[in-house]
Amino acid sequence: MAAVDKERELLQAIKRNLADLDALAAQLDDLEERGVYKFYSQSFKVYELQMIVDRAQVLFERIAPTGTALNDWFLSICQTALRHRFIWPPKNWDWERMNRNWQAETQPILEAFWHCRYFLRMLARFGRELDEAPMPVAWTAEGFSGSPAPAGWLAVLYLYGLGW
């Protein structure tokens, strides 16, 4: 299947999942304020953001065109955020290690959260704005042809391994 067909398939999947994208994006918007506060106050509740990172990753995978996979960098960011799972009630949780290494332990959670939030916003935006996937700008003897695709759409393409 050609890249253009994959991009069309992606856009159609985004449009089909727009309600789920909007719902999850709204949850992330609500959680961001508390999550950042919990990070700075060194509250274990910052680990609650891991659940939303999980849910976003599952949604992104559901939207993926046939034969594509999520970007390795994105997956690595999420895996790092999910490395230390906090489960309530905490059994055998090393509080001293967590507090001693607070930034190293929890900052990746916020990073993954913000990447997920960005991609949710971009997917929802382009699911509404685009009727068809933008064509790439081509270089010809006369110069460039076409108009550049929005940077956010290009980032979405990279999320799905379809970057130009």
C-alpha atoms as a PDB file:
ATOM      1  CA  MET A   1       0.000   0.000   0.000  1.00  0.00           C
ATOM      2  CA  ALA A   2       1.394   3.400  -0.979  1.00  0.00           C
ATOM      3  CA  ALA A   3       2.219   6.040   1.627  1.00  0.00           C
ATOM      4  CA  VAL A   4      -0.625   8.229   0.338  1.00  0.00           C
ATOM      5  CA  ASP A   5      -3.076   5.367   0.918  1.00  0.00           C
ATOM      6  CA  LYS A   6      -1.731   4.891   4.457  1.00  0.00           C
ATOM      7  CA  GLU A   7      -2.195   8.594   5.139  1.00  0.00           C
ATOM      8  CA  ARG A   8      -5.796   8.397   3.900  1.00  0.00           C
ATOM      9  CA  GLU A   9      -6.383   5.340   6.070  1.00  0.00           C
ATOM     10  CA  LEU A  10      -4.907   7.213   9.044  1.00  0.00           C
ATOM     11  CA  LEU A  11      -7.122  10.255   8.508  1.00  0.00           C
ATOM     12  CA  GLN A  12     -10.223   8.053   8.201  1.00  0.00           C
ATOM     13  CA  ALA A  13      -9.306   6.228  11.424  1.00  0.00           C
ATOM     14  CA  ILE A  14      -8.790   9.550  13.180  1.00  0.00           C
ATOM     15  CA  LYS A  15     -12.229  10.726  12.058  1.00  0.00           C
ATOM     16  CA  ARG A  16     -13.840   7.458  13.212  1.00  0.00           C
ATOM     17  CA  ASN A  17     -12.209   7.806  16.648  1.00  0.00           C
ATOM     18  CA  LEU A  18     -12.756  11.536  17.102  1.00  0.00           C
ATOM     19  CA  ALA A  19     -15.140  11.121  20.065  1.00  0.00           C
ATOM     20  CA  ASP A  20     -12.594   8.961  21.919  1.00  0.00           C
ATOM     21  CA  LEU A  21      -9.784  11.397  21.072  1.00  0.00           C
ATOM     22  CA  ASP A  22     -11.825  14.314  22.405  1.00  0.00           C
ATOM     23  CA  ALA A  23     -12.801  12.475  25.586  1.00  0.00           C
ATOM     24  CA  LEU A  24      -9.249  11.442  26.375  1.00  0.00           C
ATOM     25  CA  ALA A  25      -7.879  14.898  25.510  1.00  0.00           C
ATOM     26  CA  ALA A  26     -10.385  16.453  27.935  1.00  0.00           C
ATOM     27  CA  GLN A  27      -9.171  14.101  30.672  1.00  0.00           C
ATOM     28  CA  LEU A  28      -5.564  15.072  29.998  1.00  0.00           C
ATOM     29  CA  ASP A  29      -6.479  18.755  30.142  1.00  0.00           C
ATOM     30  CA  ASP A  30      -8.078  18.183  33.562  1.00  0.00           C
ATOM     31  CA  LEU A  31      -5.163  16.110  34.860  1.00  0.00           C
ATOM     32  CA  GLU A  32      -2.350  18.391  33.749  1.00  0.00           C
ATOM     33  CA  GLU A  33      -2.831  20.989  36.483  1.00  0.00           C
ATOM     34  CA  ARG A  34      -2.985  18.374  39.241  1.00  0.00           C
ATOM     35  CA  GLY A  35      -0.183  16.290  37.743  1.00  0.00           C
ATOM     36  CA  VAL A  36       2.295  19.151  37.675  1.00  0.00           C
ATOM     37  CA  TYR A  37       1.299  20.113  41.224  1.00  0.00           C
ATOM     38  CA  LYS A  38       1.769  16.508  42.374  1.00  0.00           C
ATOM     39  CA  PHE A  39       5.215  16.412  40.756  1.00  0.00           C
ATOM     40  CA  TYR A  40       6.392  19.548  42.559  1.00  0.00           C
ATOM     41  CA  SER A  41       4.824  18.560  45.879  1.00  0.00           C
ATOM     42  CA  GLN A  42       6.463  15.119  45.622  1.00  0.00           C
ATOM     43  CA  SER A  43       3.150  13.337  45.877  1.00  0.00           C
ATOM     44  CA  PHE A  44       2.945   9.727  44.778  1.00  0.00           C
ATOM     45  CA  LYS A  45      -0.293  10.742  43.016  1.00  0.00           C
ATOM     46  CA  VAL A  46       1.833  11.924  40.084  1.00  0.00           C
ATOM     47  CA  TYR A  47       1.913   8.214  39.223  1.00  0.00           C
ATOM     48  CA  GLU A  48      -1.796   8.455  38.337  1.00  0.00           C
ATOM     49  CA  LEU A  49      -0.672  10.020  35.053  1.00  0.00           C
ATOM     50  CA  GLN A  50       0.721   6.633  34.036  1.00  0.00           C
ATOM     51  CA  MET A  51      -2.807   5.317  33.509  1.00  0.00           C
ATOM     52  CA  ILE A  52      -3.620   8.059  31.025  1.00  0.00           C
ATOM     53  CA  VAL A  53      -0.339   7.511  29.159  1.00  0.00           C
ATOM     54  CA  ASP A  54      -1.334   3.845  28.854  1.00  0.00           C
ATOM     55  CA  ARG A  55      -4.795   4.735  27.572  1.00  0.00           C
ATOM     56  CA  ALA A  56      -3.437   7.217  25.031  1.00  0.00           C
ATOM     57  CA  GLN A  57      -0.924   4.706  23.710  1.00  0.00           C
ATOM     58  CA  VAL A  58      -3.672   2.091  23.274  1.00  0.00           C
ATOM     59  CA  LEU A  59      -5.852   4.614  21.413  1.00  0.00           C
ATOM     60  CA  PHE A  60      -2.965   5.654  19.169  1.00  0.00           C
ATOM     61  CA  GLU A  61      -2.299   2.000  18.345  1.00  0.00           C
ATOM     62  CA  ARG A  62      -5.981   1.439  17.547  1.00  0.00           C
ATOM     63  CA  ILE A  63      -5.870   4.315  15.061  1.00  0.00           C
ATOM     64  CA  ALA A  64      -2.669   3.090  13.381  1.00  0.00           C
ATOM     65  CA  PRO A  65      -2.972   2.193   9.706  1.00  0.00           C
ATOM     66  CA  THR A  66      -2.487  -1.448   8.797  1.00  0.00           C
ATOM     67  CA  GLY A  67       1.172  -2.420   8.793  1.00  0.00           C
ATOM     68  CA  THR A  68       2.404   0.619  10.684  1.00  0.00           C
ATOM     69  CA  ALA A  69       3.786   0.912  14.200  1.00  0.00           C
ATOM     70  CA  LEU A  70       4.107   3.803  16.581  1.00  0.00           C
ATOM     71  CA  ASN A  71       7.351   5.775  16.455  1.00  0.00           C
ATOM     72  CA  ASP A  72      10.214   4.171  18.406  1.00  0.00           C
ATOM     73  CA  TRP A  73      11.062   7.447  20.163  1.00  0.00           C
ATOM     74  CA  PHE A  74       7.472   7.868  21.311  1.00  0.00           C
ATOM     75  CA  LEU A  75       7.347   4.267  22.539  1.00  0.00           C
ATOM     76  CA  SER A  76      10.640   4.726  24.393  1.00  0.00           C
ATOM     77  CA  ILE A  77       9.317   7.873  26.093  1.00  0.00           C
ATOM     78  CA  CYS A  78       6.209   5.973  27.198  1.00  0.00           C
ATOM     79  CA  GLN A  79       8.161   2.896  28.329  1.00  0.00           C
ATOM     80  CA  THR A  80      10.448   5.054  30.461  1.00  0.00           C
ATOM     81  CA  ALA A  81       7.413   6.713  32.049  1.00  0.00           C
ATOM     82  CA  LEU A  82       5.829   3.364  32.793  1.00  0.00           C
ATOM     83  CA  ARG A  83       8.979   1.649  34.076  1.00  0.00           C
ATOM     84  CA  HIS A  84       8.114   2.001  37.776  1.00  0.00           C
ATOM     85  CA  ARG A  85       4.446   1.268  38.294  1.00  0.00           C
ATOM     86  CA  PHE A  86       2.847   2.580  41.427  1.00  0.00           C
ATOM     87  CA  ILE A  87       0.128   0.254  42.672  1.00  0.00           C
ATOM     88  CA  TRP A  88      -2.120   1.022  45.614  1.00  0.00           C
ATOM     89  CA  PRO A  89      -1.729  -0.106  48.275  1.00  0.00           C
ATOM     90  CA  PRO A  90       2.043   0.056  47.857  1.00  0.00           C
ATOM     91  CA  LYS A  91       3.632  -3.261  48.726  1.00  0.00           C
ATOM     92  CA  ASN A  92       7.386  -3.370  48.993  1.00  0.00           C
ATOM     93  CA  TRP A  93       7.565   0.173  47.604  1.00  0.00           C
ATOM     94  CA  ASP A  94      10.959   1.733  48.241  1.00  0.00           C
ATOM     95  CA  TRP A  95       9.850   5.193  49.421  1.00  0.00           C
ATOM     96  CA  GLU A  96      13.380   6.252  50.284  1.00  0.00           C
ATOM     97  CA  ARG A  97      14.675   5.452  46.778  1.00  0.00           C
ATOM     98  CA  MET A  98      11.685   7.207  45.204  1.00  0.00           C
ATOM     99  CA  ASN A  99      12.145  10.377  47.235  1.00  0.00           C
ATOM    100  CA  ARG A 100      15.911  10.388  46.799  1.00  0.00           C
ATOM    101  CA  ASN A 101      15.518  10.121  42.998  1.00  0.00           C
ATOM    102  CA  TRP A 102      12.229  11.988  42.662  1.00  0.00           C
ATOM    103  CA  GLN A 103      12.993  13.855  39.436  1.00  0.00           C
ATOM    104  CA  ALA A 104      14.595  10.879  37.728  1.00  0.00           C
ATOM    105  CA  GLU A 105      11.665   8.667  38.754  1.00  0.00           C
ATOM    106  CA  THR A 106       8.765  10.971  37.923  1.00  0.00           C
ATOM    107  CA  GLN A 107       9.878  13.512  35.324  1.00  0.00           C
ATOM    108  CA  PRO A 108       9.587  10.905  32.539  1.00  0.00           C
ATOM    109  CA  ILE A 109       5.915  10.484  33.478  1.00  0.00           C
ATOM    110  CA  LEU A 110       5.256  14.152  32.788  1.00  0.00           C
ATOM    111  CA  GLU A 111       7.247  14.009  29.566  1.00  0.00           C
ATOM    112  CA  ALA A 112       5.194  11.078  28.261  1.00  0.00           C
ATOM    113  CA  PHE A 113       1.996  12.757  29.438  1.00  0.00           C
ATOM    114  CA  TRP A 114       2.815  15.894  27.441  1.00  0.00           C
ATOM    115  CA  HIS A 115       3.731  13.931  24.318  1.00  0.00           C
ATOM    116  CA  CYS A 116       0.408  12.095  24.557  1.00  0.00           C
ATOM    117  CA  ARG A 117      -1.457  15.352  25.124  1.00  0.00           C
ATOM    118  CA  TYR A 118       0.214  16.941  22.088  1.00  0.00           C
ATOM    119  CA  PHE A 119      -0.632  14.036  19.794  1.00  0.00           C
ATOM    120  CA  LEU A 120      -4.210  13.817  21.071  1.00  0.00           C
ATOM    121  CA  ARG A 121      -4.682  17.507  20.293  1.00  0.00           C
ATOM    122  CA  MET A 122      -3.122  17.151  16.826  1.00  0.00           C
ATOM    123  CA  LEU A 123      -5.153  14.065  15.948  1.00  0.00           C
ATOM    124  CA  ALA A 124      -8.391  15.738  17.042  1.00  0.00           C
ATOM    125  CA  ARG A 125      -7.506  18.957  15.250  1.00  0.00           C
ATOM    126  CA  PHE A 126      -6.731  17.324  11.932  1.00  0.00           C
ATOM    127  CA  GLY A 127      -9.659  14.940  12.252  1.00  0.00           C
ATOM    128  CA  ARG A 128     -11.806  18.057  12.143  1.00  0.00           C
ATOM    129  CA  GLU A 129      -9.836  20.296   9.785  1.00  0.00           C
ATOM    130  CA  LEU A 130      -8.767  17.928   7.042  1.00  0.00           C
ATOM    131  CA  ASP A 131     -11.026  16.404   4.439  1.00  0.00           C
ATOM    132  CA  GLU A 132      -8.084  14.623   2.865  1.00  0.00           C
ATOM    133  CA  ALA A 133      -4.465  14.064   3.798  1.00  0.00           C
ATOM    134  CA  PRO A 134      -2.215  16.905   2.551  1.00  0.00           C
ATOM    135  CA  MET A 135       0.049  16.031  -0.346  1.00  0.00           C
ATOM    136  CA  PRO A 136       3.776  16.547   0.114  1.00  0.00           C
ATOM    137  CA  VAL A 137       5.451  19.598  -1.352  1.00  0.00           C
ATOM    138  CA  ALA A 138       7.474  18.542  -4.368  1.00  0.00           C
ATOM    139  CA  TRP A 139      10.533  20.180  -5.885  1.00  0.00           C
ATOM    140  CA  THR A 140      10.282  20.683  -9.639  1.00  0.00           C
ATOM    141  CA  ALA A 141      12.380  22.573 -12.181  1.00  0.00           C
ATOM    142  CA  GLU A 142      10.026  25.520 -11.678  1.00  0.00           C
ATOM    143  CA  GLY A 143      10.406  25.426  -7.894  1.00  0.00           C
ATOM    144  CA  PHE A 144       8.199  23.966  -5.166  1.00  0.00           C
ATOM    145  CA  SER A 145       4.730  22.740  -6.052  1.00  0.00           C
ATOM    146  CA  GLY A 146       1.912  22.389  -3.596  1.00  0.00           C
ATOM    147  CA  SER A 147       1.530  24.016  -0.231  1.00  0.00           C
ATOM    148  CA  PRO A 148       3.316  22.823   2.874  1.00  0.00           C
ATOM    149  CA  ALA A 149       1.424  20.533   5.205  1.00  0.00           C
ATOM    150  CA  PRO A 150       0.960  21.804   8.765  1.00  0.00           C
ATOM    151  CA  ALA A 151       3.824  20.858  11.084  1.00  0.00           C
ATOM    152  CA  GLY A 152       1.380  19.162  13.455  1.00  0.00           C
ATOM    153  CA  TRP A 153       0.170  16.861  10.680  1.00  0.00           C
ATOM    154  CA  LEU A 154       3.765  16.050   9.781  1.00  0.00           C
ATOM    155  CA  ALA A 155       4.428  15.174  13.443  1.00  0.00           C
ATOM    156  CA  VAL A 156       1.389  12.858  13.377  1.00  0.00           C
ATOM    157  CA  LEU A 157       2.819  11.157  10.303  1.00  0.00           C
ATOM    158  CA  TYR A 158       6.084  10.587  12.180  1.00  0.00           C
ATOM    159  CA  LEU A 159       4.138   9.148  15.122  1.00  0.00           C
ATOM    160  CA  TYR A 160       2.884   6.479  12.722  1.00  0.00           C
ATOM    161  CA  GLY A 161       6.115   5.938  10.801  1.00  0.00           C
ATOM    162  CA  LEU A 162       4.776   7.770   7.752  1.00  0.00           C
ATOM    163  CA  GLY A 163       7.011  10.848   7.943  1.00  0.00           C
ATOM    164  CA  TRP A 164       8.041  12.419   4.676  1.00  0.00           C
END
